[in-house]
Structures are given as C-alpha cells and as structure tokens.
Amino acid sequence: MNIVEAQLTDLNAIVQIDREVIGNTSRQGFIEDAIKQGHCILVKANNDVAGFSIYDTNFFECTFIALIIVSPAKRRKGYASQMMNHLVRTSPTDKIFSSTNRSNQSMQKVFEANGFVESGIVENLDEGDPEIIYFKSK
C-alpha cells in the first residue's frame, strides 16, 4: 500500500473510480482542480489506484476531508483508513473535519475506528439523509 500525492496523469484512473461509485463523471473538474492545488492523494496497491481523497482548508480555516473514495472492488482492506490517517498526520491545521450521510454506516464505522467523533449534523443537503460532521485533532 502506497499513499502519494495525485498527479494530473492519475486523473483518468481517479475519475474512473469516482464513476464506479457515483455512476457518472460529474466531479471530474473538481478532482482536476484538487490535483492542481496539491489537495488530492491516492492510495496505490500493486501500482494500481485503489482509492483517492480530496481535502481543503476552507472549512472555518480547518482541514476538511471532502472525499474519501475507494474502488468498490478494493474495499474493506484498510485503504480508507490509511488515507484518513495520512491526511491527519500531514494536515496543515490541527483540527480535521469530514462528513458522511447518516445512511452511510460503513463510513461512520471508518471514522469512529480512526478516532473521529461526531461534531454536528447538517440537514437539507440530501433529502431525508442528514450529513454527520466528524472531527479529530492532531
């Protein structure tokens, strides 16, 4: 398992994984911008991209992990936890936040297993499926 900063040459592989998860390529521009800003990491297994994560520091001047995506074929192998822990270790801020839908119990377990705690709820993003905000400090 190898975590590296994503490069533009990785864009197609990352977008393919994102398409597998959400069913379209609508976030390609967002992903490309994150790569250009140096805010996208990826985890490789046997030189293949297994997953990626995007963060920024625009959430009240704290690090916010906006996406943690693992290829469906490569889940439950610790890739999300590895990326999460890498981002916590290398975060430019002491406070790290992220979120997931209430319906995404798998991701909630990943946050809890990695020492994140619930920090609030945002209603009205996805109809009937509130977003749970998670927090961890360095």
C-alpha atoms as a PDB file:
ATOM      1  CA  MET A   1       0.000   0.000   0.000  1.00  0.00           C
ATOM      2  CA  ASN A   2       1.461   3.325  -1.072  1.00  0.00           C
ATOM      3  CA  ILE A   3      -0.007   6.810  -0.495  1.00  0.00           C
ATOM      4  CA  VAL A   4       1.159   9.563  -2.833  1.00  0.00           C
ATOM      5  CA  GLU A   5       0.070  12.995  -3.964  1.00  0.00           C
ATOM      6  CA  ALA A   6      -2.048  12.645  -7.079  1.00  0.00           C
ATOM      7  CA  GLN A   7      -0.706  13.967 -10.386  1.00  0.00           C
ATOM      8  CA  LEU A   8      -2.639  15.029 -13.467  1.00  0.00           C
ATOM      9  CA  THR A   9      -1.504  11.788 -15.102  1.00  0.00           C
ATOM     10  CA  ASP A  10      -3.634   9.992 -12.458  1.00  0.00           C
ATOM     11  CA  LEU A  11      -6.795  11.932 -13.336  1.00  0.00           C
ATOM     12  CA  ASN A  12      -8.379   9.309 -15.616  1.00  0.00           C
ATOM     13  CA  ALA A  13      -7.848   6.482 -13.103  1.00  0.00           C
ATOM     14  CA  ILE A  14      -9.277   8.615 -10.278  1.00  0.00           C
ATOM     15  CA  VAL A  15     -12.303   9.705 -12.307  1.00  0.00           C
ATOM     16  CA  GLN A  16     -12.932   6.068 -13.270  1.00  0.00           C
ATOM     17  CA  ILE A  17     -13.069   5.067  -9.588  1.00  0.00           C
ATOM     18  CA  ASP A  18     -15.351   8.013  -8.828  1.00  0.00           C
ATOM     19  CA  ARG A  19     -17.620   6.959 -11.724  1.00  0.00           C
ATOM     20  CA  GLU A  20     -17.806   3.430 -10.316  1.00  0.00           C
ATOM     21  CA  VAL A  21     -19.031   4.876  -7.017  1.00  0.00           C
ATOM     22  CA  ILE A  22     -21.395   7.683  -8.080  1.00  0.00           C
ATOM     23  CA  GLY A  23     -22.365   6.482 -11.556  1.00  0.00           C
ATOM     24  CA  ASN A  24     -21.078   9.464 -13.549  1.00  0.00           C
ATOM     25  CA  THR A  25     -18.066  11.716 -14.142  1.00  0.00           C
ATOM     26  CA  SER A  26     -19.641  14.955 -12.897  1.00  0.00           C
ATOM     27  CA  ARG A  27     -16.846  15.614 -10.380  1.00  0.00           C
ATOM     28  CA  GLN A  28     -14.011  15.461 -12.939  1.00  0.00           C
ATOM     29  CA  GLY A  29     -13.426  19.227 -12.855  1.00  0.00           C
ATOM     30  CA  PHE A  30     -13.474  19.267  -9.047  1.00  0.00           C
ATOM     31  CA  ILE A  31     -10.983  16.388  -8.934  1.00  0.00           C
ATOM     32  CA  GLU A  32      -8.731  18.021 -11.523  1.00  0.00           C
ATOM     33  CA  ASP A  33      -8.694  21.302  -9.562  1.00  0.00           C
ATOM     34  CA  ALA A  34      -7.825  19.443  -6.344  1.00  0.00           C
ATOM     35  CA  ILE A  35      -4.914  17.700  -8.079  1.00  0.00           C
ATOM     36  CA  LYS A  36      -3.624  21.020  -9.429  1.00  0.00           C
ATOM     37  CA  GLN A  37      -3.801  22.524  -5.909  1.00  0.00           C
ATOM     38  CA  GLY A  38      -1.962  19.553  -4.391  1.00  0.00           C
ATOM     39  CA  HIS A  39      -5.053  18.606  -2.352  1.00  0.00           C
ATOM     40  CA  CYS A  40      -5.636  15.113  -3.715  1.00  0.00           C
ATOM     41  CA  ILE A  41      -3.903  11.981  -2.502  1.00  0.00           C
ATOM     42  CA  LEU A  42      -4.274   8.470  -3.734  1.00  0.00           C
ATOM     43  CA  VAL A  43      -3.572   5.035  -2.423  1.00  0.00           C
ATOM     44  CA  LYS A  44      -1.964   2.523  -4.740  1.00  0.00           C
ATOM     45  CA  ALA A  45      -1.947  -1.246  -4.473  1.00  0.00           C
ATOM     46  CA  ASN A  46       0.407  -3.051  -6.847  1.00  0.00           C
ATOM     47  CA  ASN A  47       0.821   0.231  -8.780  1.00  0.00           C
ATOM     48  CA  ASP A  48      -2.954   0.455  -9.397  1.00  0.00           C
ATOM     49  CA  VAL A  49      -5.003   3.312  -7.932  1.00  0.00           C
ATOM     50  CA  ALA A  50      -7.224   1.764  -5.257  1.00  0.00           C
ATOM     51  CA  GLY A  51      -8.720   4.985  -3.942  1.00  0.00           C
ATOM     52  CA  PHE A  52      -8.324   8.720  -3.514  1.00  0.00           C
ATOM     53  CA  SER A  53      -9.066  11.501  -1.091  1.00  0.00           C
ATOM     54  CA  ILE A  54      -9.537  15.245  -1.514  1.00  0.00           C
ATOM     55  CA  TYR A  55      -9.205  17.873   1.198  1.00  0.00           C
ATOM     56  CA  ASP A  56      -9.102  21.637   1.574  1.00  0.00           C
ATOM     57  CA  THR A  57      -8.694  24.192   4.352  1.00  0.00           C
ATOM     58  CA  ASN A  58     -11.746  26.322   3.631  1.00  0.00           C
ATOM     59  CA  PHE A  59     -13.908  24.939   6.460  1.00  0.00           C
ATOM     60  CA  PHE A  60     -13.505  27.672   9.103  1.00  0.00           C
ATOM     61  CA  GLU A  61      -9.756  27.628   8.328  1.00  0.00           C
ATOM     62  CA  CYS A  62      -9.572  23.933   9.286  1.00  0.00           C
ATOM     63  CA  THR A  63      -8.770  20.921   7.155  1.00  0.00           C
ATOM     64  CA  PHE A  64     -11.885  19.318   5.711  1.00  0.00           C
ATOM     65  CA  ILE A  65     -11.654  15.928   4.040  1.00  0.00           C
ATOM     66  CA  ALA A  66     -14.205  16.376   1.268  1.00  0.00           C
ATOM     67  CA  LEU A  67     -13.950  12.928  -0.327  1.00  0.00           C
ATOM     68  CA  ILE A  68     -12.618   9.535   0.651  1.00  0.00           C
ATOM     69  CA  ILE A  69     -13.346   7.152  -2.198  1.00  0.00           C
ATOM     70  CA  VAL A  70     -12.182   3.555  -2.542  1.00  0.00           C
ATOM     71  CA  SER A  71     -12.838   1.411  -5.592  1.00  0.00           C
ATOM     72  CA  PRO A  72     -15.755  -0.927  -4.817  1.00  0.00           C
ATOM     73  CA  ALA A  73     -13.587  -3.929  -5.759  1.00  0.00           C
ATOM     74  CA  LYS A  74     -10.928  -2.912  -3.228  1.00  0.00           C
ATOM     75  CA  ARG A  75     -12.995  -2.039  -0.170  1.00  0.00           C
ATOM     76  CA  ARG A  76     -12.587  -3.456   3.330  1.00  0.00           C
ATOM     77  CA  LYS A  77      -8.805  -3.661   3.005  1.00  0.00           C
ATOM     78  CA  GLY A  78      -7.888  -0.589   5.073  1.00  0.00           C
ATOM     79  CA  TYR A  79      -7.377   1.857   2.194  1.00  0.00           C
ATOM     80  CA  ALA A  80      -9.803   4.488   3.536  1.00  0.00           C
ATOM     81  CA  SER A  81      -8.208   4.312   6.985  1.00  0.00           C
ATOM     82  CA  GLN A  82      -4.725   4.637   5.507  1.00  0.00           C
ATOM     83  CA  MET A  83      -5.675   7.748   3.555  1.00  0.00           C
ATOM     84  CA  MET A  84      -7.518   9.216   6.533  1.00  0.00           C
ATOM     85  CA  ASN A  85      -4.555   8.670   8.858  1.00  0.00           C
ATOM     86  CA  HIS A  86      -2.154  10.104   6.269  1.00  0.00           C
ATOM     87  CA  LEU A  87      -4.267  13.248   5.958  1.00  0.00           C
ATOM     88  CA  VAL A  88      -4.455  13.651   9.739  1.00  0.00           C
ATOM     89  CA  ARG A  89      -0.650  13.297  10.047  1.00  0.00           C
ATOM     90  CA  THR A  90       0.078  15.723   7.210  1.00  0.00           C
ATOM     91  CA  SER A  91      -2.781  18.165   7.803  1.00  0.00           C
ATOM     92  CA  PRO A  92      -1.747  21.824   7.630  1.00  0.00           C
ATOM     93  CA  THR A  93      -4.174  22.529  10.502  1.00  0.00           C
ATOM     94  CA  ASP A  94      -4.597  20.998  13.953  1.00  0.00           C
ATOM     95  CA  LYS A  95      -8.326  20.422  13.500  1.00  0.00           C
ATOM     96  CA  ILE A  96      -9.563  17.983  10.862  1.00  0.00           C
ATOM     97  CA  PHE A  97     -13.209  17.626   9.870  1.00  0.00           C
ATOM     98  CA  SER A  98     -15.078  15.409   7.440  1.00  0.00           C
ATOM     99  CA  SER A  99     -18.615  14.153   6.943  1.00  0.00           C
ATOM    100  CA  THR A 100     -20.832  11.397   5.665  1.00  0.00           C
ATOM    101  CA  ASN A 101     -24.536  10.771   5.257  1.00  0.00           C
ATOM    102  CA  ARG A 102     -26.440   9.206   8.121  1.00  0.00           C
ATOM    103  CA  SER A 103     -27.289   6.330   5.759  1.00  0.00           C
ATOM    104  CA  ASN A 104     -23.581   5.556   5.165  1.00  0.00           C
ATOM    105  CA  GLN A 105     -22.989   3.385   8.198  1.00  0.00           C
ATOM    106  CA  SER A 106     -19.851   1.823   6.714  1.00  0.00           C
ATOM    107  CA  MET A 107     -18.124   5.208   6.550  1.00  0.00           C
ATOM    108  CA  GLN A 108     -19.340   6.102  10.038  1.00  0.00           C
ATOM    109  CA  LYS A 109     -17.554   2.990  11.316  1.00  0.00           C
ATOM    110  CA  VAL A 110     -14.364   4.033   9.494  1.00  0.00           C
ATOM    111  CA  PHE A 111     -14.467   7.472  11.137  1.00  0.00           C
ATOM    112  CA  GLU A 112     -15.073   6.006  14.586  1.00  0.00           C
ATOM    113  CA  ALA A 113     -12.359   3.347  14.158  1.00  0.00           C
ATOM    114  CA  ASN A 114      -9.901   6.124  13.306  1.00  0.00           C
ATOM    115  CA  GLY A 115     -10.657   8.290  16.319  1.00  0.00           C
ATOM    116  CA  PHE A 116     -13.028  10.799  14.753  1.00  0.00           C
ATOM    117  CA  VAL A 117     -16.004  11.916  16.858  1.00  0.00           C
ATOM    118  CA  GLU A 118     -19.361  13.310  15.812  1.00  0.00           C
ATOM    119  CA  SER A 119     -19.346  17.098  15.813  1.00  0.00           C
ATOM    120  CA  GLY A 120     -22.743  18.025  14.396  1.00  0.00           C
ATOM    121  CA  ILE A 121     -25.387  17.398  11.777  1.00  0.00           C
ATOM    122  CA  VAL A 122     -26.326  19.343   8.661  1.00  0.00           C
ATOM    123  CA  GLU A 123     -29.858  18.921   7.411  1.00  0.00           C
ATOM    124  CA  ASN A 124     -31.198  19.545   3.904  1.00  0.00           C
ATOM    125  CA  LEU A 125     -28.190  18.584   1.781  1.00  0.00           C
ATOM    126  CA  ASP A 126     -29.655  15.242   0.711  1.00  0.00           C
ATOM    127  CA  GLU A 127     -33.397  14.978   1.225  1.00  0.00           C
ATOM    128  CA  GLY A 128     -34.134  12.789   4.236  1.00  0.00           C
ATOM    129  CA  ASP A 129     -30.462  11.818   4.765  1.00  0.00           C
ATOM    130  CA  PRO A 130     -28.657  14.289   7.063  1.00  0.00           C
ATOM    131  CA  GLU A 131     -24.902  14.796   6.864  1.00  0.00           C
ATOM    132  CA  ILE A 132     -22.986  13.899  10.028  1.00  0.00           C
ATOM    133  CA  ILE A 133     -19.903  16.043  10.623  1.00  0.00           C
ATOM    134  CA  TYR A 134     -16.882  14.308  12.177  1.00  0.00           C
ATOM    135  CA  PHE A 135     -13.886  15.846  13.942  1.00  0.00           C
ATOM    136  CA  LYS A 136     -10.397  14.849  15.037  1.00  0.00           C
ATOM    137  CA  SER A 137      -7.481  16.893  16.304  1.00  0.00           C
ATOM    138  CA  LYS A 138      -3.828  16.192  15.548  1.00  0.00           C
END
